[in-house]
Amino acid sequence: MKRTAPGTIVLLLGVAALTVAAVRPELRPWPGPGFQTEAASLLRPLSRGVAFTPLLTVGDSLMPPTPEDDGFLLLPMPGGMALQSVGRGLAEVYVAHGTSWEDGVGSGRVSRLLLDRKSRRILSADWIVDGMESFERLSGGTLAVTREGFLTPHFLVGENSLQGPNHGVVAAVSVRSGIVSALPWLGRFRHAKTLLLPFSNGRIIAILTESGDPGRSQLYMYLAASDTDFLGGRGQLYVLRADAPREGPDTRLASMVRKTRPLTGRFVPVRGFSVAGDPMDPAAVELSDEASGALRFARLGDAAPDRRNPSAFYLADQGAENWIDPVNGRPVTGDGRIYRLELDAFDPTIVRDLRVLLDGDDADDLYRPSDLESDDRGLMIQERPGRRGIHPSRILRWDFNTRRLEPLAECAERDPQGRLIPEGTGGVWETTGIVDASDSFGEGMWLVAVRAPNDYASPFRGRGGGGQLLLMRTPAWGEAPP
């Protein structure tokens, strides 16, 4: 989030809550056997029993049955996803694309795909966010359903950018009606994820992660009494403030938390500042965070629920080597961390336990974790090494029972000339989204997205590059690696 000193606030133009009503008809199978990409997998296995089924590759197109219908083209930068079974042996997949006008591709979109669960072929597709809404760099998809307190399903995505007319908002897309609504009361900042915890005590509980610059990344919560209150802005936004450790100074930095030193804390209201009459403006939210003593992380990414405890969730921090703790002179977290937070079952603003689960700076084989997904047996972790990565982006899993972290897969990365990169290098390609697909495709199945920004063989070349959507089969939890 942009930091602005008091007295020098930059007035950013606010916009009213955007609502676009473009009724989308139900996706129905088009004639024919369906489509599955002919491209090779952009992932390769690192463990026995891992296999891939590539579904769609960036640039693949689907032709509609009649000239009056719109065709479909898979756009670059696929990321946040969700999946639900819709009966008749079919499943719908929703994919957020982190595209921007800066890339020459157009503003953010959300693809909707209809899959045959048996043949694993795409039967039809369209866009439920088609670019007319002017969202920028959409990410972090979440499907809000009855379990989270929503009477009708909504796909939640956030802008990972402050550019554009909406200045960093979360959007809710009704997957039935096609109505798209911006939710500025969830804060205007660079959103990475909006996680909804299971509905309890009569309240909607949303966890929001900010993908800000190192040290300007905070964790938020939004509480509302119902889905209509959540979608209508009748709730309260909070930011996490950690309690001071029993030993050592209160630096308000995430380095106060260690594997051997968990903390407690509280989510406190975000209020007291306004810019251009908008209390959710990026500058106003940042000033409120500073006044509240909010806990500062390096670069927050995804969040995932603890399926065994409805009051707990996991959090990824990608780390930053150049953000230094002034007390010890070391990075707050250089290679990244996974945190686990447990909230009070009766008052979710109280954090009963905040601890480090995995630490790339403390002997764990972890480098720049970004995206997460969970089931009741463990946690799936996707890395985002960046252009100076020490190895390609990997998919790891943490087994709750064995407490073992193992790599399952990595990007089969190539250079811009199409040549496989040397071993021990890489990180330009990224695994950018993962969803538990076991309910639709069987135990051990996951839906995965890959981005290949330097893939100049893609039709989009330098305007977002290539990418792919795949199904990944993994071995049973607890099986020994080779």
Protein backbone atom coordinates (compact mmCIF):
# COMPACT_ATOMS: atom_id res chain seq x y z
CA MET A 1 0.00 0.00 0.00
CA LYS A 2 1.28 3.48 -0.79
CA ARG A 3 2.58 5.22 2.33
CA THR A 4 1.79 8.92 2.64
CA ALA A 5 2.94 11.14 5.47
CA PRO A 6 0.29 13.07 7.43
CA GLY A 7 -0.26 16.50 5.93
CA THR A 8 0.88 15.41 2.47
CA ILE A 9 -1.99 13.15 1.51
CA VAL A 10 -2.35 12.67 -2.22
CA LEU A 11 -6.01 12.87 -3.16
CA LEU A 12 -6.89 9.86 -5.27
CA LEU A 13 -10.09 9.93 -7.26
CA GLY A 14 -12.74 7.69 -5.73
CA VAL A 15 -15.49 5.99 -7.67
CA ALA A 16 -18.91 4.92 -6.59
CA ALA A 17 -19.56 1.24 -6.02
CA LEU A 18 -19.69 -0.26 -9.49
CA THR A 19 -22.53 -2.60 -10.35
CA VAL A 20 -22.70 -4.08 -13.83
CA ALA A 21 -25.79 -6.12 -14.61
CA ALA A 22 -25.14 -8.25 -17.67
CA VAL A 23 -27.26 -11.36 -17.27
CA ARG A 24 -25.26 -14.40 -18.28
CA PRO A 25 -27.24 -17.42 -19.42
CA GLU A 26 -26.43 -20.79 -17.91
CA LEU A 27 -23.50 -22.46 -19.63
CA ARG A 28 -24.70 -25.41 -21.68
CA PRO A 29 -22.59 -27.92 -23.59
CA TRP A 30 -21.91 -27.02 -27.19
CA PRO A 31 -22.30 -29.77 -29.80
CA GLY A 32 -19.39 -32.14 -30.16
CA PRO A 33 -17.05 -34.05 -27.85
CA GLY A 34 -15.53 -30.96 -26.26
CA PHE A 35 -12.00 -29.55 -26.32
CA GLN A 36 -8.76 -30.41 -24.59
CA THR A 37 -5.47 -28.69 -25.39
CA GLU A 38 -2.89 -30.44 -27.55
CA ALA A 39 -0.02 -28.61 -25.85
CA ALA A 40 2.38 -30.46 -23.58
CA SER A 41 2.17 -29.95 -19.83
CA LEU A 42 3.90 -26.83 -18.52
CA LEU A 43 4.54 -28.72 -15.27
CA ARG A 44 6.72 -31.77 -14.62
CA PRO A 45 6.57 -34.17 -11.66
CA LEU A 46 9.13 -34.21 -8.84
CA SER A 47 7.57 -37.12 -6.92
CA ARG A 48 6.32 -40.59 -7.78
CA GLY A 49 2.60 -40.76 -8.50
CA VAL A 50 2.22 -37.16 -9.72
CA ALA A 51 0.63 -36.79 -13.17
CA PHE A 52 -0.95 -33.99 -15.21
CA THR A 53 -3.82 -33.52 -17.62
CA PRO A 54 -3.45 -30.21 -19.50
CA LEU A 55 -6.92 -28.74 -20.09
CA LEU A 56 -6.42 -25.38 -21.81
CA THR A 57 -3.35 -23.44 -22.93
CA VAL A 58 -3.26 -19.66 -23.33
CA GLY A 59 -4.26 -18.89 -26.90
CA ASP A 60 -6.57 -21.92 -27.27
CA SER A 61 -9.90 -20.94 -28.77
CA LEU A 62 -13.33 -22.55 -28.64
CA MET A 63 -15.79 -21.96 -31.46
CA PRO A 64 -19.49 -21.56 -30.59
CA PRO A 65 -22.21 -23.60 -32.30
CA THR A 66 -23.74 -20.60 -34.12
CA PRO A 67 -22.22 -17.42 -35.60
CA GLU A 68 -24.44 -15.34 -33.32
CA ASP A 69 -22.69 -16.65 -30.20
CA ASP A 70 -19.38 -15.32 -28.98
CA GLY A 71 -16.32 -17.50 -29.26
CA PHE A 72 -13.86 -17.99 -26.42
CA LEU A 73 -10.10 -17.47 -26.20
CA LEU A 74 -8.07 -18.34 -23.11
CA LEU A 75 -6.31 -15.12 -22.16
CA PRO A 76 -2.90 -14.87 -20.48
CA MET A 77 -2.09 -14.54 -16.77
CA PRO A 78 -4.54 -17.09 -15.32
CA GLY A 79 -4.51 -17.07 -11.53
CA GLY A 80 -7.15 -17.25 -8.80
CA MET A 81 -9.67 -20.01 -9.47
CA ALA A 82 -12.72 -21.77 -8.07
CA LEU A 83 -14.65 -24.87 -9.08
CA GLN A 84 -18.09 -26.29 -8.37
CA SER A 85 -20.09 -29.28 -9.58
CA VAL A 86 -23.30 -28.27 -11.35
CA GLY A 87 -24.92 -31.68 -11.87
CA ARG A 88 -25.29 -33.91 -14.93
CA GLY A 89 -21.64 -34.97 -14.59
CA LEU A 90 -20.44 -31.39 -15.22
CA ALA A 91 -18.38 -28.84 -13.32
CA GLU A 92 -17.91 -25.09 -13.73
CA VAL A 93 -14.51 -23.47 -13.32
CA TYR A 94 -13.97 -19.74 -12.74
CA VAL A 95 -10.56 -18.26 -13.56
CA ALA A 96 -9.37 -14.73 -12.78
CA HIS A 97 -6.88 -13.21 -15.24
CA GLY A 98 -4.33 -10.67 -14.01
CA THR A 99 -4.38 -8.73 -17.26
CA SER A 100 -4.10 -4.97 -17.57
CA TRP A 101 -4.33 -2.30 -20.23
CA GLU A 102 -0.61 -1.79 -19.60
CA ASP A 103 0.02 -5.19 -21.21
CA GLY A 104 -2.00 -4.31 -24.28
CA VAL A 105 -4.42 -7.16 -23.55
CA GLY A 106 -7.23 -5.24 -21.89
CA SER A 107 -8.48 -5.01 -18.34
CA GLY A 108 -9.04 -7.94 -15.99
CA ARG A 109 -11.41 -10.74 -16.90
CA VAL A 110 -12.90 -13.84 -15.33
CA SER A 111 -13.32 -16.91 -17.53
CA ARG A 112 -16.09 -19.45 -16.96
CA LEU A 113 -15.52 -22.99 -18.26
CA LEU A 114 -17.86 -25.97 -18.39
CA LEU A 115 -16.01 -29.27 -17.94
CA ASP A 116 -17.11 -32.85 -18.43
CA ARG A 117 -15.98 -34.55 -15.22
CA LYS A 118 -15.45 -37.92 -16.94
CA SER A 119 -13.73 -36.97 -20.21
CA ARG A 120 -12.07 -33.86 -18.68
CA ARG A 121 -12.83 -31.89 -21.81
CA ILE A 122 -14.10 -28.30 -22.09
CA LEU A 123 -17.68 -28.33 -23.37
CA SER A 124 -18.26 -24.55 -23.53
CA ALA A 125 -16.85 -21.32 -22.13
CA ASP A 126 -17.45 -17.59 -21.77
CA TRP A 127 -16.45 -14.59 -19.63
CA ILE A 128 -18.47 -13.56 -16.57
CA VAL A 129 -16.22 -10.49 -16.22
CA ASP A 130 -15.56 -9.39 -19.80
CA GLY A 131 -13.37 -6.31 -19.41
CA MET A 132 -16.09 -3.68 -19.57
CA GLU A 133 -15.83 -3.28 -15.79
CA SER A 134 -12.27 -1.82 -16.05
CA PHE A 135 -10.78 -3.94 -13.26
CA GLU A 136 -6.98 -4.20 -13.18
CA ARG A 137 -4.91 -7.35 -12.52
CA LEU A 138 -7.54 -9.56 -10.91
CA SER A 139 -6.32 -12.25 -8.52
CA GLY A 140 -7.24 -14.48 -5.60
CA GLY A 141 -10.50 -16.18 -6.58
CA THR A 142 -12.89 -17.46 -3.89
CA LEU A 143 -16.30 -19.03 -4.40
CA ALA A 144 -18.70 -17.94 -1.65
CA VAL A 145 -21.44 -20.53 -1.14
CA THR A 146 -23.84 -21.68 1.59
CA ARG A 147 -21.02 -22.91 3.83
CA GLU A 148 -19.76 -19.32 4.07
CA GLY A 149 -23.25 -17.86 4.55
CA PHE A 150 -24.17 -16.93 0.95
CA LEU A 151 -27.63 -17.90 -0.32
CA THR A 152 -26.49 -17.62 -3.95
CA PRO A 153 -22.93 -18.38 -5.14
CA HIS A 154 -20.61 -15.42 -5.70
CA PHE A 155 -17.06 -15.49 -7.09
CA LEU A 156 -14.88 -12.98 -5.23
CA VAL A 157 -11.79 -11.52 -6.90
CA GLY A 158 -9.55 -8.59 -6.00
CA GLU A 159 -7.55 -6.03 -7.92
CA ASN A 160 -3.83 -6.49 -7.34
CA SER A 161 -3.22 -2.93 -8.50
CA LEU A 162 -4.08 0.64 -7.49
CA GLN A 163 -4.19 1.72 -11.12
CA GLY A 164 -7.43 2.11 -13.04
CA PRO A 165 -10.71 3.77 -12.02
CA ASN A 166 -11.44 1.44 -9.07
CA HIS A 167 -8.08 1.89 -7.25
CA GLY A 168 -7.80 -1.61 -5.83
CA VAL A 169 -11.15 -3.14 -4.87
CA VAL A 170 -12.69 -6.55 -4.35
CA ALA A 171 -15.42 -7.51 -6.84
CA ALA A 172 -18.27 -9.96 -6.28
CA VAL A 173 -19.61 -11.80 -9.33
CA SER A 174 -22.93 -13.59 -9.07
CA VAL A 175 -22.31 -16.77 -11.05
CA ARG A 176 -26.07 -17.15 -11.59
CA SER A 177 -27.17 -13.66 -12.62
CA GLY A 178 -23.89 -12.30 -13.99
CA ILE A 179 -24.17 -9.15 -11.84
CA VAL A 180 -20.70 -7.76 -11.03
CA SER A 181 -20.40 -5.47 -8.00
CA ALA A 182 -17.36 -3.62 -6.67
CA LEU A 183 -17.03 -3.68 -2.87
CA PRO A 184 -14.91 -0.65 -1.90
CA TRP A 185 -15.82 -1.05 1.79
CA LEU A 186 -13.40 -3.99 1.87
CA GLY A 187 -10.60 -1.45 1.46
CA ARG A 188 -8.76 -0.07 -1.54
CA PHE A 189 -5.32 -1.67 -1.67
CA ARG A 190 -3.48 -4.32 -3.68
CA HIS A 191 -5.62 -7.33 -2.89
CA ALA A 192 -4.06 -10.79 -2.99
CA LYS A 193 -6.85 -12.93 -1.49
CA THR A 194 -10.31 -12.69 0.05
CA LEU A 195 -10.84 -15.82 2.16
CA LEU A 196 -14.23 -16.56 3.69
CA LEU A 197 -14.25 -18.67 6.85
CA PRO A 198 -17.18 -21.03 7.50
CA PHE A 199 -20.30 -19.14 8.55
CA SER A 200 -20.69 -19.23 12.34
CA ASN A 201 -22.23 -17.16 15.12
CA GLY A 202 -24.45 -15.47 12.55
CA ARG A 203 -21.61 -13.54 10.88
CA ILE A 204 -19.78 -13.44 7.56
CA ILE A 205 -16.02 -13.54 8.29
CA ALA A 206 -13.75 -12.41 5.44
CA ILE A 207 -9.95 -12.44 5.67
CA LEU A 208 -8.20 -10.08 3.22
CA THR A 209 -4.48 -10.09 2.43
CA GLU A 210 -2.65 -7.05 1.09
CA SER A 211 0.08 -7.63 -1.48
CA GLY A 212 1.84 -4.36 -0.73
CA ASP A 213 5.47 -3.32 -0.93
CA PRO A 214 7.75 -4.90 1.71
CA GLY A 215 6.67 -3.64 5.12
CA ARG A 216 3.45 -2.14 3.79
CA SER A 217 1.53 -5.38 3.69
CA GLN A 218 -1.18 -5.91 6.30
CA LEU A 219 -3.83 -8.49 7.17
CA TYR A 220 -7.48 -7.42 7.27
CA MET A 221 -10.84 -8.79 8.34
CA TYR A 222 -14.34 -7.74 7.35
CA LEU A 223 -17.32 -8.75 9.50
CA ALA A 224 -20.95 -8.54 8.38
CA ALA A 225 -24.19 -9.99 9.74
CA SER A 226 -25.31 -11.56 6.45
CA ASP A 227 -24.46 -11.95 2.79
CA THR A 228 -26.68 -8.98 1.90
CA ASP A 229 -24.87 -6.84 4.48
CA PHE A 230 -21.51 -8.01 3.13
CA LEU A 231 -22.48 -7.17 -0.45
CA GLY A 232 -24.12 -3.89 0.63
CA GLY A 233 -21.29 -2.50 2.77
CA ARG A 234 -23.10 -2.81 6.10
CA GLY A 235 -20.19 -4.24 8.07
CA GLN A 236 -16.83 -3.25 9.55
CA LEU A 237 -13.26 -3.49 8.24
CA TYR A 238 -10.51 -4.42 10.73
CA VAL A 239 -6.70 -4.70 10.59
CA LEU A 240 -4.51 -7.10 12.58
CA ARG A 241 -2.54 -5.72 15.54
CA ALA A 242 -0.25 -8.17 17.34
CA ASP A 243 0.20 -8.11 21.09
CA ALA A 244 3.71 -7.24 22.27
CA PRO A 245 5.96 -10.26 22.80
CA ARG A 246 6.88 -11.19 26.36
CA GLU A 247 10.54 -10.85 25.43
CA GLY A 248 12.09 -8.30 23.08
CA PRO A 249 10.83 -5.00 21.67
CA ASP A 250 7.45 -4.43 20.03
CA THR A 251 8.62 -3.56 16.51
CA ARG A 252 5.22 -4.15 14.85
CA LEU A 253 7.11 -6.34 12.35
CA ALA A 254 6.19 -9.92 11.54
CA SER A 255 9.68 -11.00 12.63
CA MET A 256 8.37 -10.76 16.21
CA VAL A 257 6.68 -14.09 15.47
CA ARG A 258 8.94 -17.14 15.43
CA LYS A 259 8.51 -20.89 15.42
CA THR A 260 9.45 -20.89 19.09
CA ARG A 261 7.54 -17.69 19.91
CA PRO A 262 3.90 -17.54 18.85
CA LEU A 263 1.95 -14.37 19.55
CA THR A 264 -1.61 -13.33 20.23
CA GLY A 265 -3.38 -10.27 18.86
CA ARG A 266 -6.58 -8.57 17.86
CA PHE A 267 -8.22 -7.20 14.75
CA VAL A 268 -8.96 -3.51 15.42
CA PRO A 269 -11.33 -1.27 13.41
CA VAL A 270 -10.01 0.67 10.40
CA ARG A 271 -11.41 4.17 10.83
CA GLY A 272 -10.61 7.75 11.70
CA PHE A 273 -9.17 8.94 8.37
CA SER A 274 -10.74 10.01 5.10
CA VAL A 275 -9.40 11.15 1.74
CA ALA A 276 -11.73 12.95 -0.64
CA GLY A 277 -14.60 11.77 1.55
CA ASP A 278 -13.58 8.10 1.14
CA PRO A 279 -12.47 6.32 4.35
CA MET A 280 -11.47 3.28 2.26
CA ASP A 281 -9.07 5.25 0.04
CA PRO A 282 -5.56 3.68 -0.01
CA ALA A 283 -3.99 6.65 1.79
CA ALA A 284 -6.72 6.76 4.43
CA VAL A 285 -6.48 3.03 5.11
CA GLU A 286 -2.68 3.24 5.42
CA LEU A 287 -2.89 6.11 7.91
CA SER A 288 -5.44 4.20 9.98
CA ASP A 289 -3.15 1.15 9.96
CA GLU A 290 -0.23 3.23 11.23
CA ALA A 291 -2.33 4.77 13.99
CA SER A 292 -3.63 1.32 15.00
CA GLY A 293 -0.16 -0.19 15.30
CA ALA A 294 -0.95 -2.81 12.64
CA LEU A 295 1.39 -5.78 12.23
CA ARG A 296 3.50 -5.38 9.09
CA PHE A 297 4.39 -8.32 6.88
CA ALA A 298 6.86 -8.54 3.99
CA ARG A 299 4.56 -9.41 1.05
CA LEU A 300 1.39 -11.29 1.86
CA GLY A 301 -0.01 -13.65 -0.73
CA ASP A 302 -2.71 -16.29 -0.48
CA ALA A 303 -4.68 -17.61 2.48
CA ALA A 304 -6.34 -21.00 2.96
CA PRO A 305 -8.67 -22.41 5.62
CA ASP A 306 -7.71 -25.07 8.13
CA ARG A 307 -10.32 -27.68 7.20
CA ARG A 308 -10.01 -29.27 10.65
CA ASN A 309 -10.78 -26.08 12.57
CA PRO A 310 -13.34 -23.52 11.29
CA SER A 311 -11.68 -20.73 13.31
CA ALA A 312 -8.17 -21.21 11.87
CA PHE A 313 -6.44 -20.44 8.57
CA TYR A 314 -3.03 -20.36 6.90
CA LEU A 315 -1.24 -17.38 5.42
CA ALA A 316 1.62 -17.10 2.90
CA ASP A 317 4.26 -14.35 3.10
CA GLN A 318 6.49 -14.26 0.02
CA GLY A 319 9.35 -12.56 1.85
CA ALA A 320 11.73 -9.77 0.79
CA GLU A 321 15.50 -9.81 1.18
CA ASN A 322 15.77 -6.01 1.33
CA TRP A 323 13.34 -5.40 4.22
CA ILE A 324 15.46 -5.50 7.37
CA ASP A 325 14.50 -5.87 11.01
CA PRO A 326 16.39 -3.00 12.73
CA VAL A 327 16.76 -5.04 15.94
CA ASN A 328 18.71 -7.99 14.55
CA GLY A 329 19.89 -6.62 11.19
CA ARG A 330 18.41 -9.58 9.26
CA PRO A 331 15.48 -9.70 6.82
CA VAL A 332 12.09 -9.87 8.49
CA THR A 333 11.66 -12.88 6.23
CA GLY A 334 13.89 -13.25 3.20
CA ASP A 335 12.77 -16.55 1.65
CA GLY A 336 9.20 -16.44 2.91
CA ARG A 337 6.99 -18.02 5.55
CA ILE A 338 3.73 -19.86 6.14
CA TYR A 339 1.76 -18.70 9.18
CA ARG A 340 -1.17 -20.28 10.97
CA LEU A 341 -3.70 -18.11 12.80
CA GLU A 342 -6.42 -19.31 15.13
CA LEU A 343 -9.28 -16.98 16.05
CA ASP A 344 -11.50 -17.05 19.11
CA ALA A 345 -14.54 -19.20 18.36
CA PHE A 346 -16.94 -16.61 19.84
CA ASP A 347 -15.19 -13.33 19.02
CA PRO A 348 -13.30 -13.65 15.70
CA THR A 349 -11.52 -10.31 16.20
CA ILE A 350 -9.42 -11.97 18.93
CA VAL A 351 -6.38 -13.91 17.67
CA ARG A 352 -5.72 -16.74 20.11
CA ASP A 353 -2.61 -17.99 18.33
CA LEU A 354 -0.37 -16.59 15.57
CA ARG A 355 2.59 -18.81 14.78
CA VAL A 356 5.13 -19.64 12.09
CA LEU A 357 4.41 -23.04 10.54
CA LEU A 358 7.17 -23.05 7.90
CA ASP A 359 10.11 -20.67 7.48
CA GLY A 360 12.36 -20.53 4.43
CA ASP A 361 15.01 -18.76 6.53
CA ASP A 362 14.93 -21.49 9.19
CA ALA A 363 15.88 -24.75 7.44
CA ASP A 364 12.56 -25.39 5.62
CA ASP A 365 12.78 -26.14 1.88
CA LEU A 366 10.60 -23.16 1.00
CA TYR A 367 11.27 -20.21 -1.30
CA ARG A 368 8.83 -17.35 -1.91
CA PRO A 369 5.50 -19.09 -1.14
CA SER A 370 2.58 -17.33 -2.75
CA ASP A 371 -0.53 -19.44 -3.33
CA LEU A 372 -2.17 -21.95 -0.97
CA GLU A 373 -4.92 -24.57 -0.87
CA SER A 374 -5.85 -27.10 1.77
CA ASP A 375 -7.86 -30.22 2.49
CA ASP A 376 -8.30 -32.09 5.76
CA ARG A 377 -4.94 -33.86 5.37
CA GLY A 378 -2.55 -31.07 4.51
CA LEU A 379 -1.58 -27.84 2.81
CA MET A 380 -0.59 -27.29 -0.83
CA ILE A 381 1.92 -24.47 -1.44
CA GLN A 382 2.90 -22.77 -4.70
CA GLU A 383 6.13 -20.80 -4.95
CA ARG A 384 6.72 -17.60 -6.90
CA PRO A 385 10.54 -17.28 -7.02
CA GLY A 386 10.71 -14.28 -9.36
CA ARG A 387 13.20 -13.59 -12.12
CA ARG A 388 16.18 -14.13 -9.81
CA GLY A 389 14.89 -17.43 -8.49
CA ILE A 390 17.24 -20.23 -7.53
CA HIS A 391 15.00 -22.86 -9.12
CA PRO A 392 11.74 -23.06 -11.07
CA SER A 393 8.46 -22.37 -9.33
CA ARG A 394 7.40 -25.49 -7.43
CA ILE A 395 4.28 -27.01 -5.90
CA LEU A 396 4.91 -28.33 -2.39
CA ARG A 397 2.71 -30.09 0.12
CA TRP A 398 2.83 -30.11 3.90
CA ASP A 399 1.38 -33.23 5.52
CA PHE A 400 -0.37 -32.45 8.81
CA ASN A 401 0.18 -35.97 10.16
CA THR A 402 3.78 -36.66 9.14
CA ARG A 403 4.79 -32.98 9.34
CA ARG A 404 6.79 -33.49 6.18
CA LEU A 405 7.26 -30.90 3.42
CA GLU A 406 7.81 -32.43 0.00
CA PRO A 407 8.04 -31.03 -3.55
CA LEU A 408 5.50 -32.52 -5.93
CA ALA A 409 6.01 -30.63 -9.18
CA GLU A 410 7.78 -27.71 -10.83
CA CYS A 411 7.38 -25.58 -13.94
CA ALA A 412 8.93 -27.13 -17.04
CA GLU A 413 10.40 -23.71 -17.71
CA ARG A 414 11.89 -22.60 -21.02
CA ASP A 415 13.72 -19.46 -22.07
CA PRO A 416 12.27 -16.98 -24.62
CA GLN A 417 13.82 -19.06 -27.42
CA GLY A 418 11.92 -22.13 -26.28
CA ARG A 419 14.93 -23.97 -24.80
CA LEU A 420 14.71 -25.76 -21.46
CA ILE A 421 16.53 -23.75 -18.82
CA PRO A 422 19.57 -25.23 -17.01
CA GLU A 423 18.96 -27.05 -13.75
CA GLY A 424 19.17 -24.82 -10.68
CA THR A 425 17.89 -21.71 -12.45
CA GLY A 426 14.51 -20.30 -13.30
CA GLY A 427 11.60 -18.70 -11.57
CA VAL A 428 10.18 -16.58 -14.39
CA TRP A 429 7.34 -19.04 -14.92
CA GLU A 430 4.94 -19.32 -11.99
CA THR A 431 2.33 -21.67 -10.60
CA THR A 432 -0.30 -19.10 -9.75
CA GLY A 433 -3.44 -20.85 -8.56
CA ILE A 434 -4.51 -24.17 -7.06
CA VAL A 435 -7.93 -25.54 -6.10
CA ASP A 436 -8.98 -28.81 -4.46
CA ALA A 437 -10.80 -30.67 -7.26
CA SER A 438 -11.42 -33.94 -5.41
CA ASP A 439 -15.22 -33.48 -5.19
CA SER A 440 -15.46 -33.27 -8.99
CA PHE A 441 -12.58 -35.41 -10.25
CA GLY A 442 -11.68 -37.82 -7.46
CA GLU A 443 -9.37 -38.02 -4.47
CA GLY A 444 -5.95 -36.45 -4.92
CA MET A 445 -7.01 -34.20 -7.83
CA TRP A 446 -6.14 -30.49 -7.94
CA LEU A 447 -6.83 -27.78 -10.50
CA VAL A 448 -3.66 -25.76 -11.17
CA ALA A 449 -2.79 -22.63 -13.17
CA VAL A 450 0.62 -21.76 -14.67
CA ARG A 451 1.87 -18.46 -16.07
CA ALA A 452 4.71 -18.29 -18.59
CA PRO A 453 5.30 -14.55 -19.15
CA ASN A 454 8.33 -14.99 -21.43
CA ASP A 455 6.65 -17.57 -23.70
CA TYR A 456 6.96 -15.81 -27.03
CA ALA A 457 5.44 -18.79 -28.84
CA SER A 458 2.14 -17.74 -27.28
CA PRO A 459 -0.15 -15.61 -29.48
CA PHE A 460 0.17 -12.89 -26.84
CA ARG A 461 4.00 -12.98 -26.78
CA GLY A 462 5.21 -10.05 -24.69
CA ARG A 463 1.68 -9.00 -23.78
CA GLY A 464 1.21 -11.38 -20.89
CA GLY A 465 2.93 -14.40 -22.43
CA GLY A 466 1.59 -17.93 -22.16
CA GLY A 467 0.12 -20.17 -19.51
CA GLN A 468 -2.02 -23.22 -18.91
CA LEU A 469 -4.77 -24.78 -16.82
CA LEU A 470 -4.16 -28.36 -15.71
CA LEU A 471 -5.51 -31.13 -13.51
CA MET A 472 -2.83 -32.58 -11.23
CA ARG A 473 -3.08 -36.02 -9.66
CA THR A 474 -1.11 -36.50 -6.45
CA PRO A 475 -0.28 -39.63 -4.42
CA ALA A 476 -2.12 -40.38 -1.22
CA TRP A 477 -1.14 -38.38 1.85
CA GLY A 478 1.53 -40.09 3.94
CA GLU A 479 3.03 -42.08 1.07
CA ALA A 480 6.81 -41.98 1.12
CA PRO A 481 8.56 -40.00 -1.62
CA PRO A 482 11.07 -41.85 -3.87
